[in-house]
Amino acid sequence: MSLDPVRSAQKQQSFDGVIPHSALSRLAEMALPEGRVEVTLACDRDEQNLAVLRAQIRTQLQLECQRCNHPFIEDIELDVTFSPVRDDEAAEQLPAGYEPVMLSDADDVNIHQLIEDEVLLAVPFAPMHDEASCEQSSHMSWGEIDEAAEEKPNPFAVLSKLKNSEE
């Protein structure tokens, strides 16, 4: 689905919709079988007369806990403000808090790709349950620390002795 964000901002259009996870191929591994992404887009102009798309994105993903290796459901809720740009220089000029979105040659934006990108960026690098519901109760360690290993001689002590004997 494509959208001309500049024209939509001039008309102050808003859209509510649902995108099935099956339509977002890069989310396939994490997606719930019958899952969906709920999206609300509001197109408008800001105080600087920039076209903006305010997106509210809600979905659930099935992730694997990196602590206990069991699956869990992660709620993803995002509020993002996009502004369409034609090049990197224009993107650098955007106010803080605005995410640049590159316009295609046809001056439109692929909404599915934009939403999928934002959801993927919101996935934690190392997803984990909260500690109360995780099956792994503590950080694991086995065995005892060998104190003799901590008292090893400094391998550079010999060099220090050689240097002192040369002087």
Protein backbone atom coordinates (compact mmCIF):
# COMPACT_ATOMS: atom_id res chain seq x y z
CA MET A 1 0.00 0.00 0.00
CA SER A 2 1.40 3.37 -1.01
CA LEU A 3 0.60 6.82 0.30
CA ASP A 4 1.53 10.29 -0.93
CA PRO A 5 2.38 11.89 2.44
CA VAL A 6 2.60 15.48 1.14
CA ARG A 7 -0.80 15.38 -0.54
CA SER A 8 -2.33 13.56 2.44
CA ALA A 9 -0.88 16.18 4.80
CA GLN A 10 -2.43 18.98 2.75
CA LYS A 11 -5.79 17.25 3.05
CA GLN A 12 -5.19 16.39 6.75
CA GLN A 13 -6.18 12.80 6.11
CA SER A 14 -6.11 10.09 8.73
CA PHE A 15 -6.24 6.35 8.35
CA ASP A 16 -6.96 3.44 10.68
CA GLY A 17 -6.12 -0.05 9.58
CA VAL A 18 -4.94 -3.52 10.32
CA ILE A 19 -2.07 -5.25 8.54
CA PRO A 20 -1.96 -9.04 8.95
CA HIS A 21 1.45 -10.38 9.96
CA SER A 22 1.33 -12.55 6.85
CA ALA A 23 1.61 -9.39 4.71
CA LEU A 24 4.90 -8.42 6.40
CA SER A 25 7.39 -11.01 5.19
CA ARG A 26 10.36 -9.90 7.32
CA LEU A 27 8.33 -10.35 10.51
CA ALA A 28 7.38 -13.92 9.55
CA GLU A 29 9.72 -15.64 12.03
CA MET A 30 8.47 -13.62 15.00
CA ALA A 31 4.87 -13.22 13.99
CA LEU A 32 1.97 -14.92 15.69
CA PRO A 33 0.10 -17.11 13.16
CA GLU A 34 -3.08 -15.04 13.31
CA GLY A 35 -1.32 -11.86 14.42
CA ARG A 36 -1.81 -8.39 13.08
CA VAL A 37 -0.43 -4.88 13.32
CA GLU A 38 -2.91 -2.17 14.23
CA VAL A 39 -2.02 1.19 12.70
CA THR A 40 -3.38 4.71 12.99
CA LEU A 41 -1.88 7.34 10.66
CA ALA A 42 -2.61 11.05 10.90
CA CYS A 43 -1.22 13.25 8.13
CA ASP A 44 -0.84 16.97 8.77
CA ARG A 45 1.46 19.99 8.59
CA ASP A 46 3.48 21.11 11.62
CA GLU A 47 4.37 24.64 12.80
CA GLN A 48 7.21 24.79 10.26
CA ASN A 49 4.83 23.73 7.47
CA LEU A 50 6.56 20.34 7.15
CA ALA A 51 4.43 17.40 6.10
CA VAL A 52 4.23 14.90 8.97
CA LEU A 53 2.76 11.44 9.44
CA ARG A 54 2.00 10.57 13.04
CA ALA A 55 1.80 6.81 13.42
CA GLN A 56 0.53 4.75 16.30
CA ILE A 57 1.55 1.13 15.88
CA ARG A 58 0.41 -1.78 18.07
CA THR A 59 1.20 -5.47 17.69
CA GLN A 60 2.32 -8.59 19.53
CA LEU A 61 5.29 -10.75 18.57
CA GLN A 62 6.38 -14.15 19.77
CA LEU A 63 10.03 -13.88 20.82
CA GLU A 64 12.44 -16.33 22.43
CA CYS A 65 13.73 -15.39 25.88
CA GLN A 66 17.51 -15.16 25.81
CA ARG A 67 17.69 -16.15 29.48
CA CYS A 68 15.57 -19.34 29.52
CA ASN A 69 15.12 -20.04 25.76
CA HIS A 70 11.33 -20.29 26.04
CA PRO A 71 8.93 -18.32 23.83
CA PHE A 72 6.97 -15.38 25.20
CA ILE A 73 4.68 -12.70 23.83
CA GLU A 74 6.07 -9.16 23.56
CA ASP A 75 3.70 -6.21 23.23
CA ILE A 76 5.02 -3.60 20.81
CA GLU A 77 3.49 -0.11 21.09
CA LEU A 78 5.02 2.75 19.11
CA ASP A 79 4.22 6.39 18.55
CA VAL A 80 6.37 7.75 15.72
CA THR A 81 6.36 11.02 13.80
CA PHE A 82 7.65 10.76 10.23
CA SER A 83 8.42 13.52 7.79
CA PRO A 84 8.95 12.83 4.07
CA VAL A 85 12.29 13.90 2.54
CA ARG A 86 13.93 13.56 -0.84
CA ASP A 87 17.59 13.25 0.24
CA ASP A 88 19.95 12.86 3.20
CA GLU A 89 20.57 16.60 3.42
CA ALA A 90 16.86 17.27 3.95
CA ALA A 91 16.76 14.45 6.52
CA GLU A 92 19.50 16.14 8.55
CA GLN A 93 17.47 19.36 8.66
CA LEU A 94 14.45 17.75 10.32
CA PRO A 95 13.60 18.77 13.89
CA ALA A 96 14.55 16.42 16.71
CA GLY A 97 11.96 13.70 17.23
CA TYR A 98 11.06 13.40 13.54
CA GLU A 99 11.99 10.25 11.65
CA PRO A 100 12.85 10.86 7.99
CA VAL A 101 11.08 8.76 5.40
CA MET A 102 12.49 8.80 1.87
CA LEU A 103 10.03 9.49 -0.90
CA SER A 104 10.08 7.21 -3.92
CA ASP A 105 10.38 8.55 -7.46
CA ALA A 106 6.56 8.67 -7.54
CA ASP A 107 6.53 10.87 -4.37
CA ASP A 108 4.91 8.16 -2.29
CA VAL A 109 5.78 5.94 0.65
CA ASN A 110 5.21 2.19 1.01
CA ILE A 111 3.23 2.10 4.26
CA HIS A 112 3.63 -1.65 4.87
CA GLN A 113 7.41 -1.42 4.55
CA LEU A 114 7.54 1.67 6.77
CA ILE A 115 5.47 0.02 9.50
CA GLU A 116 7.42 -3.24 9.27
CA ASP A 117 10.73 -1.35 9.58
CA GLU A 118 9.55 0.39 12.75
CA VAL A 119 8.32 -2.83 14.35
CA LEU A 120 11.63 -4.58 13.57
CA LEU A 121 13.56 -1.67 15.10
CA ALA A 122 11.46 -1.96 18.26
CA VAL A 123 12.35 -5.61 18.86
CA PRO A 124 14.82 -5.78 21.77
CA PHE A 125 18.36 -6.86 20.92
CA ALA A 126 18.24 -9.56 23.62
CA PRO A 127 14.57 -10.21 24.37
CA MET A 128 13.82 -11.61 27.81
CA HIS A 129 10.85 -12.29 30.04
CA ASP A 130 10.57 -10.08 33.06
CA GLU A 131 12.44 -11.79 35.90
CA ALA A 132 9.26 -12.69 37.80
CA SER A 133 7.86 -14.81 34.97
CA CYS A 134 11.12 -16.21 33.57
CA GLU A 135 11.83 -19.88 34.24
CA GLN A 136 15.53 -19.12 34.69
CA SER A 137 15.70 -17.96 38.31
CA SER A 138 19.27 -16.62 38.38
CA HIS A 139 22.41 -16.30 36.34
CA MET A 140 24.02 -19.69 36.02
CA SER A 141 27.52 -20.60 37.12
CA TRP A 142 29.09 -23.97 37.74
CA GLY A 143 32.03 -25.00 39.87
CA GLU A 144 34.21 -23.02 42.20
CA ILE A 145 36.78 -20.39 41.42
CA ASP A 146 40.29 -21.73 41.79
CA GLU A 147 42.16 -19.32 44.04
CA ALA A 148 45.49 -20.63 42.81
CA ALA A 149 44.58 -19.38 39.36
CA GLU A 150 44.20 -15.89 40.76
CA GLU A 151 47.71 -15.95 42.27
CA LYS A 152 49.65 -16.61 39.07
CA PRO A 153 52.96 -14.75 38.79
CA ASN A 154 53.14 -11.77 36.50
CA PRO A 155 54.70 -12.94 33.21
CA PHE A 156 56.36 -9.55 32.75
CA ALA A 157 58.18 -9.72 36.10
CA VAL A 158 61.07 -11.50 34.35
CA LEU A 159 61.40 -8.62 31.89
CA SER A 160 61.43 -6.16 34.76
CA LYS A 161 64.32 -8.08 36.41
CA LEU A 162 66.25 -8.11 33.12
CA LYS A 163 65.78 -4.38 32.68
CA ASN A 164 66.96 -3.67 36.27
CA SER A 165 70.06 -5.89 35.84
CA GLU A 166 71.11 -4.02 32.66
CA GLU A 167 71.15 -0.67 34.45
